[in-house]
Amino acid sequence: MIPPKAGSMENSTFRPSICAALFLAAVWSLPAQEISDNYFDMSLEQLLDVPIISASRMEQKSTQLAIPVGVITADEIHASGLTTLPEILQLLPGVDVRRFNRSHYIVGVRGMSSFTSDRTLVLIDGRNAMDPTFGAPDWLTLPVMIEDIERIEVLRGPGGAAWGANAFTGVINIITKKPDNNLQSIWSTSITEFGDSYSHIRLAQSKGKWSWRLSAGYESIEDSDAAGAGHTVSAFSELNFLMGFDSYKARDFSRTGRFDSVFHYRYSDLTDISFGAAWSGMETGDSESVGRYPMKDALSNMTRLFARVDHEFEDGSAGWLQWYGNYAVSHQPHITSRFASYDNYLEGQYTMPLTLDHSLTVGTNLRWTHLTSDNDAAAGEIMFRRGAYDEYWAGLFAIDRIKLSSRLSLENQIRLDRYSRTHSDWSLRSSVLYALDDNQEHVLRAGLGRAFRAAGVMVREASLTGLGGLFNVVRPSEKLTNESTYALEAGYTGKLSDHLTVQVNSYYQRMEDLIGSVNEYFGPIAVTHFDNIAGANTYGAETELAWKSRKLHVSGWYAYNEFVTDDNEQAIRAYFPARHKAGLRTRYWMDDGWSINVNYIYNDAIHTNAANSPSDGTAMFHRLDINVARAFAGQRGEIMVGVADVLNATREPVYDVNSFTSYETPGRMFFVRFQYKF
């Protein structure tokens, strides 16, 4: 591991000591409180009954799911003290997260992840949150406040039959709190020893048939140099003069403002209307990409709007209709001067009971996307063949659930999609569930699935001249077909005692027509285009254990994920999954109002065989977070003090597939959080 800069350890020791003393002095005399009423206080049976919607687009118990889904609840998110979505996602099995710098992350389910990889579908309240130009979302620009999250569901495996294209390796569904669920207003502020801050205020109220939630937040992150890290590593230091710099300054600071609103109107006992708007604006420093590093700030903003009607019919059927739109504009001088996307969706779903033990869900979606781009300089910037694109998508799906006996259930999902820029394609899932006992406490599951990934505009239409045109030229691809994947899965969910539950899931997944880079060399110049080159086999298993008593909740997991390409030189330009991953979450409540929270994560090294990538992977790491919290003022207030990433003074550099340079980022970090409900 690269050592920290001289003096950084002295500063990081001095500042936590002062903050810790102030914290203990402030909270030691606070009156003791009773344990609050939240997910932690639920019985084991209630935890198993927490509704999950990502598997089949409707609420189901964890023992009824056709595909494995990992869940982290609002209470667990709150107890972690974490303020970024990727760091929270690390707490779930099967999710690969690497911090490229302090403001940008690479996230994927069971691998195949990079900044421009869209093989893991990201949703907010079931609504698409992907970047239609480059693929993966820019996580810190999503207009979601951490304390507004009800739970995060991570579907592991092909989810295309329920959610459509690009749910290739999994789905991450961020579900926010509804204003009609007795939601409280809050103010929350976190401050770190590096000078980072995260603040959030929420106003929530119900009056008559109306309820609403208004949230606003501001996040400030200092760059790695200011936080005592930032030591630079260049994979090709002899080429620094071609990139225009001989020394490297970390510019991974960010300033992000967010706003989110949801309004709910109870039109009648059978009809609900909801609508809302969200916005985020982010200013951040740039980073080197394919040798280009202009050292100019980047600006991004995103607006999300939605309107939805839910209706229940007297015969027991139910349906909903919604429109939503995503509008984003970004100025990224190291990538493209300006690019904008305008996404509009129209979706509907209807569920009908055919018999007491048989139901059918049908639905459709329509999508129209308009993309534009502008460039100031041809050399070094990503350019598109045309300045504007209009793309269309239409899909139809059906989900059939039947209970064949008191113990045996069958679920089938099928979906057809038509995309204007590639071709029609289909997704499928068929699962059988068998309960080993009459109380449905031990359930076996077996299934198969198919999904596809449609190539986005970045892969199809982009061109690039890197390093002044001397070493790498990327040209647009003439024709790409969809990637496809087939999966076989088996699992078990069981309640072993009044305090202990277990989940075991295994899978084999075959991938075909993976899109990668093809290189032709003319002396020192590599001319690259994307093509469907070959496939891969991936397989593994995930095990989760949860033990719960009145004061102690412990959950642990282990995941093994293997990924083997057909060709050792196959340039998929994405990270493989970490072969071994493990995690442990512990929370303990004391009678005097204190709580202790400990989270531990282990990740094996992850590798990539991307052509022209300067690094074959990122190192394995351990992460340990510890915090203590104290409630006061009748459970309305809370003060938390903690240390994140205790085991690492700094974190090793991480390269994306388009980067030649990187730098260390800070690890160990002391923080204090104050929160008050009113």
Foldseek 3Di string as FASTA:
>chain_A
DDDFDPPLVVLQVVLVVVVVVVVCVVFVPFFFFFDDDDPQQDFPVVVQQPFDQLQANDTDGCLPHQFDKDKDFLVNLVQQVDWFDLVVVLQTPQKDWDDQFPQAIWIDGQWQIFQQQQLEFEEEQLHGDFDQFRHHHSRVQPQDGSNQFGMKMKTAAQRCLRNNASNHGIYIYTYGDDLVPPDFWKWKKKAWSLGKIKIKTKDWDDDDQKIKIKMKIKTWFDGQVSSRWFFKDFLCLVLLVLLPDNDDGTWFIKIKIKIWMKMWGCPDPFKIKMKIKMKMKMKTWADAFLSHHPRDIKIKMKMKIKIKMKGADPQGKIKMKMKMKMWMWIQHQQAARIKIKIKIKIKMKIKDAPDPFKIKMKMKMKMKMKMAGDHDDQARYKDFPDGMDIKIKMKIKMKIKGAPDLFKIKIKIKMWMQIPQAGIDIKIKIKMKGAPDNVSQKIKMKMKIKHKHDDGRSQATIWHQHSRNQAETEGGDDHEHIKMKMKIKIKMWHDPDSFKIKIKMKMKMKIFQQKAWDWDDDDRYTYIHIYRDTIKIKIWMKMKMWGGDSFKIKIKMKIAMDIGTPDPLTANQIKRAFRIKMKMWMWGADSRFKIKIKIKIWTAWIAGNHPPASDGTAHIDIWMKIKMKGAHDNNFKMKMKIKTRVPFQWGANDDHRRDRMGIIGGGIMIMMMIMGTD
